[in-house]
Amino acid sequence: MPRNRRREHSMALYEAILELKDLDQCRRFFEDLCAATELETMEQRFDVAELLLDDEVYTEIAKKTSASSATISRVNRMLNFGTGCLPEVIRERKKREAGTPEAASPDGKNDGEVS
C-alpha cells in the first residue's frame, strides 16, 4: 500500500482499550504496545493540553513540560479545531479529582444522580 494512502481504521485497538480492567493494566498495555518515546510524546501532549486548558502561557508550559513551542502550538490547534473529545475528557477528569458532584464517574454514571 502506498505510504500516502490512508487505510481504514481498525476498531480492534479501541475495543481492546475499552476492555482494560484498571489503571495498572492500562499502563502495562500501552508499555507493551508503544515505544517509550511514543508514550512520552503522548504523555507530554496530554500534560500540555491540561495546562493550556488551565490558561497557562506557552513559556510556562514549555518550562513545566519541556515541550517545544511547535508541540504546544500543535496541541493548542488540536484543542481548538479537533473533535473536542480530549478537552471534554480532561475537564471531566478534573471534576472527578475535585469531587464535583456533577462529574460523571468512570463507569459513565453521574455521581450525583439519584435513582
N, C-alpha and C. Protein backbone atom coordinates (compact mmCIF):
# COMPACT_ATOMS: atom_id res chain seq x y z
N MET A 1 0.85 -1.18 0.00
CA MET A 1 0.00 0.00 0.00
C MET A 1 0.89 1.23 0.00
N PRO A 2 0.64 2.21 -0.87
CA PRO A 2 1.45 3.44 -0.90
C PRO A 2 1.36 4.17 0.44
N ARG A 3 2.46 4.80 0.83
CA ARG A 3 2.53 5.48 2.13
C ARG A 3 1.50 6.59 2.28
N ASN A 4 1.18 7.29 1.21
CA ASN A 4 0.27 8.43 1.32
C ASN A 4 -1.20 8.03 1.32
N ARG A 5 -1.48 6.76 1.15
CA ARG A 5 -2.87 6.29 1.13
C ARG A 5 -3.27 5.85 2.54
N ARG A 6 -4.32 6.44 3.05
CA ARG A 6 -4.79 6.10 4.40
C ARG A 6 -5.57 4.80 4.37
N ARG A 7 -5.32 3.97 5.36
CA ARG A 7 -6.07 2.73 5.46
C ARG A 7 -7.26 2.95 6.39
N GLU A 8 -8.22 2.06 6.30
CA GLU A 8 -9.37 2.12 7.20
C GLU A 8 -8.90 1.89 8.62
N HIS A 9 -9.50 2.60 9.56
CA HIS A 9 -9.17 2.40 10.96
C HIS A 9 -9.66 1.03 11.43
N SER A 10 -8.82 0.34 12.15
CA SER A 10 -9.23 -0.90 12.79
C SER A 10 -9.82 -0.55 14.14
N MET A 11 -11.00 -1.02 14.42
CA MET A 11 -11.65 -0.74 15.70
C MET A 11 -11.14 -1.66 16.80
N ALA A 12 -10.38 -2.69 16.45
CA ALA A 12 -9.92 -3.67 17.43
C ALA A 12 -9.11 -3.02 18.55
N LEU A 13 -8.23 -2.10 18.22
CA LEU A 13 -7.42 -1.43 19.24
C LEU A 13 -8.31 -0.68 20.23
N TYR A 14 -9.24 0.09 19.71
CA TYR A 14 -10.11 0.90 20.57
C TYR A 14 -11.02 0.02 21.43
N GLU A 15 -11.47 -1.08 20.85
CA GLU A 15 -12.28 -2.03 21.62
C GLU A 15 -11.45 -2.67 22.73
N ALA A 16 -10.20 -2.99 22.43
CA ALA A 16 -9.31 -3.58 23.44
C ALA A 16 -9.07 -2.60 24.58
N ILE A 17 -8.90 -1.32 24.26
CA ILE A 17 -8.68 -0.31 25.30
C ILE A 17 -9.89 -0.24 26.22
N LEU A 18 -11.08 -0.32 25.66
CA LEU A 18 -12.29 -0.29 26.48
C LEU A 18 -12.42 -1.51 27.39
N GLU A 19 -11.73 -2.58 27.06
CA GLU A 19 -11.78 -3.82 27.85
C GLU A 19 -10.80 -3.83 29.03
N LEU A 20 -9.89 -2.87 29.08
CA LEU A 20 -8.88 -2.86 30.14
C LEU A 20 -9.55 -2.70 31.50
N LYS A 21 -9.05 -3.45 32.49
CA LYS A 21 -9.72 -3.56 33.78
C LYS A 21 -9.40 -2.43 34.76
N ASP A 22 -8.15 -1.94 34.74
CA ASP A 22 -7.76 -0.92 35.71
C ASP A 22 -6.57 -0.12 35.19
N LEU A 23 -6.14 0.86 35.98
CA LEU A 23 -5.06 1.74 35.58
C LEU A 23 -3.76 0.98 35.35
N ASP A 24 -3.45 0.04 36.22
CA ASP A 24 -2.21 -0.73 36.07
C ASP A 24 -2.21 -1.53 34.77
N GLN A 25 -3.33 -2.20 34.47
CA GLN A 25 -3.40 -2.96 33.23
C GLN A 25 -3.32 -2.03 32.02
N CYS A 26 -3.92 -0.88 32.11
CA CYS A 26 -3.87 0.11 31.03
C CYS A 26 -2.43 0.56 30.79
N ARG A 27 -1.73 0.89 31.87
CA ARG A 27 -0.34 1.32 31.75
C ARG A 27 0.51 0.23 31.11
N ARG A 28 0.36 -1.03 31.57
CA ARG A 28 1.13 -2.14 31.03
C ARG A 28 0.79 -2.40 29.55
N PHE A 29 -0.49 -2.27 29.20
CA PHE A 29 -0.94 -2.45 27.82
C PHE A 29 -0.21 -1.47 26.90
N PHE A 30 -0.20 -0.19 27.30
CA PHE A 30 0.46 0.81 26.46
C PHE A 30 1.98 0.66 26.45
N GLU A 31 2.56 0.19 27.56
CA GLU A 31 4.00 -0.07 27.57
C GLU A 31 4.35 -1.19 26.60
N ASP A 32 3.48 -2.19 26.49
CA ASP A 32 3.70 -3.27 25.53
C ASP A 32 3.49 -2.81 24.10
N LEU A 33 2.51 -1.98 23.89
CA LEU A 33 2.11 -1.57 22.54
C LEU A 33 3.00 -0.50 21.94
N CYS A 34 3.46 0.44 22.76
CA CYS A 34 4.17 1.62 22.25
C CYS A 34 5.64 1.63 22.65
N ALA A 35 6.44 2.27 21.83
CA ALA A 35 7.83 2.53 22.20
C ALA A 35 7.82 3.57 23.32
N ALA A 36 8.86 3.57 24.13
CA ALA A 36 8.96 4.52 25.25
C ALA A 36 8.82 5.96 24.76
N THR A 37 9.41 6.28 23.63
CA THR A 37 9.33 7.65 23.12
C THR A 37 7.91 8.01 22.68
N GLU A 38 7.18 7.02 22.16
CA GLU A 38 5.78 7.27 21.77
C GLU A 38 4.93 7.59 23.00
N LEU A 39 5.13 6.82 24.07
CA LEU A 39 4.39 7.08 25.30
C LEU A 39 4.76 8.44 25.88
N GLU A 40 6.03 8.76 25.89
CA GLU A 40 6.48 10.05 26.41
C GLU A 40 5.85 11.19 25.62
N THR A 41 5.77 11.03 24.30
CA THR A 41 5.17 12.05 23.45
C THR A 41 3.69 12.23 23.77
N MET A 42 2.96 11.13 23.91
CA MET A 42 1.53 11.22 24.22
C MET A 42 1.31 11.82 25.62
N GLU A 43 2.13 11.39 26.59
CA GLU A 43 2.01 11.92 27.95
C GLU A 43 2.30 13.42 27.97
N GLN A 44 3.33 13.83 27.23
CA GLN A 44 3.68 15.24 27.17
C GLN A 44 2.55 16.06 26.54
N ARG A 45 1.98 15.56 25.45
CA ARG A 45 0.88 16.27 24.80
C ARG A 45 -0.34 16.38 25.72
N PHE A 46 -0.61 15.33 26.49
CA PHE A 46 -1.71 15.37 27.44
C PHE A 46 -1.44 16.43 28.51
N ASP A 47 -0.22 16.45 29.04
CA ASP A 47 0.15 17.45 30.04
C ASP A 47 0.02 18.86 29.48
N VAL A 48 0.48 19.05 28.25
CA VAL A 48 0.37 20.36 27.59
C VAL A 48 -1.09 20.75 27.45
N ALA A 49 -1.93 19.81 27.04
CA ALA A 49 -3.36 20.10 26.88
C ALA A 49 -3.98 20.53 28.20
N GLU A 50 -3.64 19.83 29.28
CA GLU A 50 -4.16 20.22 30.60
C GLU A 50 -3.76 21.64 30.95
N LEU A 51 -2.50 21.97 30.73
CA LEU A 51 -2.01 23.30 31.07
C LEU A 51 -2.63 24.38 30.18
N LEU A 52 -2.80 24.08 28.90
CA LEU A 52 -3.47 25.04 28.01
C LEU A 52 -4.91 25.29 28.47
N LEU A 53 -5.59 24.23 28.87
CA LEU A 53 -6.97 24.39 29.34
C LEU A 53 -7.03 25.13 30.68
N ASP A 54 -5.90 25.14 31.41
CA ASP A 54 -5.80 25.92 32.64
C ASP A 54 -5.33 27.34 32.37
N ASP A 55 -5.28 27.71 31.08
CA ASP A 55 -4.88 29.06 30.64
C ASP A 55 -3.44 29.42 30.98
N GLU A 56 -2.57 28.41 31.04
CA GLU A 56 -1.14 28.69 31.22
C GLU A 56 -0.59 29.27 29.92
N VAL A 57 0.45 30.08 30.02
CA VAL A 57 1.08 30.67 28.84
C VAL A 57 2.15 29.71 28.31
N TYR A 58 2.45 29.85 27.02
CA TYR A 58 3.38 28.95 26.35
C TYR A 58 4.71 28.82 27.10
N THR A 59 5.28 29.94 27.55
CA THR A 59 6.60 29.88 28.20
C THR A 59 6.56 29.04 29.48
N GLU A 60 5.49 29.16 30.24
CA GLU A 60 5.36 28.36 31.46
C GLU A 60 5.14 26.89 31.13
N ILE A 61 4.35 26.63 30.09
CA ILE A 61 4.11 25.24 29.67
C ILE A 61 5.42 24.61 29.22
N ALA A 62 6.21 25.35 28.45
CA ALA A 62 7.50 24.83 27.98
C ALA A 62 8.41 24.51 29.16
N LYS A 63 8.42 25.38 30.18
CA LYS A 63 9.25 25.13 31.37
C LYS A 63 8.77 23.89 32.12
N LYS A 64 7.47 23.76 32.28
CA LYS A 64 6.91 22.66 33.08
C LYS A 64 6.97 21.31 32.37
N THR A 65 6.90 21.30 31.04
CA THR A 65 6.79 20.04 30.31
C THR A 65 7.98 19.74 29.39
N SER A 66 8.85 20.70 29.18
CA SER A 66 9.96 20.59 28.22
C SER A 66 9.46 20.44 26.79
N ALA A 67 8.21 20.78 26.54
CA ALA A 67 7.66 20.72 25.18
C ALA A 67 8.15 21.92 24.38
N SER A 68 8.35 21.69 23.10
CA SER A 68 8.75 22.79 22.22
C SER A 68 7.55 23.68 21.94
N SER A 69 7.82 24.88 21.47
CA SER A 69 6.71 25.77 21.12
C SER A 69 5.89 25.18 19.97
N ALA A 70 6.54 24.43 19.09
CA ALA A 70 5.81 23.77 17.99
C ALA A 70 4.83 22.73 18.54
N THR A 71 5.25 21.96 19.53
CA THR A 71 4.36 20.97 20.14
C THR A 71 3.21 21.65 20.86
N ILE A 72 3.51 22.69 21.60
CA ILE A 72 2.46 23.41 22.33
C ILE A 72 1.46 23.99 21.34
N SER A 73 1.96 24.56 20.26
CA SER A 73 1.09 25.13 19.23
C SER A 73 0.23 24.05 18.58
N ARG A 74 0.83 22.89 18.30
CA ARG A 74 0.10 21.78 17.68
C ARG A 74 -1.03 21.31 18.61
N VAL A 75 -0.73 21.18 19.90
CA VAL A 75 -1.75 20.76 20.87
C VAL A 75 -2.84 21.82 20.97
N ASN A 76 -2.45 23.08 20.96
CA ASN A 76 -3.44 24.17 21.04
C ASN A 76 -4.37 24.14 19.83
N ARG A 77 -3.81 23.89 18.64
CA ARG A 77 -4.62 23.78 17.43
C ARG A 77 -5.61 22.62 17.55
N MET A 78 -5.12 21.50 18.07
CA MET A 78 -5.98 20.32 18.25
C MET A 78 -7.10 20.63 19.23
N LEU A 79 -6.80 21.35 20.31
CA LEU A 79 -7.83 21.69 21.29
C LEU A 79 -8.90 22.60 20.67
N ASN A 80 -8.47 23.47 19.78
CA ASN A 80 -9.39 24.43 19.16
C ASN A 80 -10.13 23.88 17.94
N PHE A 81 -9.50 22.96 17.21
CA PHE A 81 -10.08 22.52 15.95
C PHE A 81 -10.23 21.00 15.83
N GLY A 82 -9.95 20.28 16.91
CA GLY A 82 -10.06 18.82 16.89
C GLY A 82 -11.50 18.38 17.13
N THR A 83 -11.66 17.15 17.55
CA THR A 83 -13.00 16.59 17.76
C THR A 83 -13.68 17.11 19.02
N GLY A 84 -12.90 17.64 19.96
CA GLY A 84 -13.46 18.11 21.22
C GLY A 84 -13.43 17.07 22.32
N CYS A 85 -13.01 15.88 21.99
CA CYS A 85 -13.02 14.79 22.97
C CYS A 85 -11.97 14.99 24.07
N LEU A 86 -10.75 15.35 23.69
CA LEU A 86 -9.69 15.49 24.69
C LEU A 86 -10.03 16.56 25.73
N PRO A 87 -10.45 17.76 25.33
CA PRO A 87 -10.81 18.74 26.35
C PRO A 87 -11.95 18.27 27.25
N GLU A 88 -12.90 17.57 26.66
CA GLU A 88 -14.02 17.02 27.43
C GLU A 88 -13.52 16.03 28.48
N VAL A 89 -12.63 15.14 28.07
CA VAL A 89 -12.09 14.13 28.98
C VAL A 89 -11.28 14.80 30.10
N ILE A 90 -10.47 15.78 29.75
CA ILE A 90 -9.65 16.47 30.75
C ILE A 90 -10.54 17.21 31.75
N ARG A 91 -11.57 17.89 31.26
CA ARG A 91 -12.46 18.61 32.18
C ARG A 91 -13.20 17.66 33.11
N GLU A 92 -13.68 16.54 32.59
CA GLU A 92 -14.38 15.55 33.42
C GLU A 92 -13.44 14.96 34.45
N ARG A 93 -12.21 14.70 34.05
CA ARG A 93 -11.21 14.14 34.97
C ARG A 93 -10.94 15.12 36.11
N LYS A 94 -10.81 16.40 35.77
CA LYS A 94 -10.56 17.42 36.80
C LYS A 94 -11.74 17.54 37.76
N LYS A 95 -12.95 17.45 37.22
CA LYS A 95 -14.14 17.50 38.08
C LYS A 95 -14.14 16.33 39.06
N ARG A 96 -13.82 15.13 38.56
CA ARG A 96 -13.77 13.95 39.43
C ARG A 96 -12.72 14.12 40.51
N GLU A 97 -11.54 14.62 40.10
CA GLU A 97 -10.46 14.81 41.07
C GLU A 97 -10.84 15.83 42.14
N ALA A 98 -11.61 16.84 41.74
CA ALA A 98 -12.04 17.87 42.68
C ALA A 98 -13.25 17.44 43.50
N GLY A 99 -13.84 16.31 43.12
CA GLY A 99 -15.01 15.81 43.84
C GLY A 99 -16.28 16.55 43.51
N THR A 100 -16.34 17.18 42.34
CA THR A 100 -17.53 17.90 41.91
C THR A 100 -18.65 16.91 41.66
N PRO A 101 -19.82 17.08 42.31
CA PRO A 101 -20.91 16.11 42.19
C PRO A 101 -21.42 15.88 40.77
N GLU A 102 -21.40 16.89 39.90
CA GLU A 102 -21.96 16.70 38.56
C GLU A 102 -21.02 15.97 37.62
N ALA A 103 -19.81 15.65 38.09
CA ALA A 103 -18.87 14.93 37.23
C ALA A 103 -19.30 13.49 37.09
N ALA A 104 -19.19 12.99 35.89
CA ALA A 104 -19.52 11.58 35.63
C ALA A 104 -18.43 10.70 36.20
N SER A 105 -18.81 9.57 36.71
CA SER A 105 -17.84 8.60 37.20
C SER A 105 -17.29 7.82 36.02
N PRO A 106 -16.16 7.09 36.20
CA PRO A 106 -15.57 6.35 35.08
C PRO A 106 -16.52 5.34 34.45
N ASP A 107 -17.54 4.88 35.19
CA ASP A 107 -18.47 3.90 34.61
C ASP A 107 -19.55 4.56 33.78
N GLY A 108 -19.47 5.91 33.66
CA GLY A 108 -20.42 6.64 32.81
C GLY A 108 -21.66 7.10 33.52
N LYS A 109 -21.81 6.76 34.81
CA LYS A 109 -22.98 7.19 35.56
C LYS A 109 -22.67 8.50 36.25
N ASN A 110 -23.66 9.31 36.43
CA ASN A 110 -23.50 10.57 37.11
C ASN A 110 -23.38 10.31 38.60
N ASP A 111 -22.27 10.75 39.22
CA ASP A 111 -22.04 10.50 40.64
C ASP A 111 -23.10 11.12 41.52
N GLY A 112 -23.68 12.24 41.10
CA GLY A 112 -24.66 12.92 41.92
C GLY A 112 -26.08 12.52 41.61
N GLU A 113 -26.26 11.55 40.76
CA GLU A 113 -27.58 11.16 40.29
C GLU A 113 -28.32 10.33 41.36
N VAL A 114 -29.58 10.62 41.55
CA VAL A 114 -30.39 9.86 42.47
C VAL A 114 -31.28 8.92 41.67
N SER A 115 -31.28 7.64 42.03
CA SER A 115 -32.07 6.66 41.29
C SER A 115 -33.43 6.50 41.89
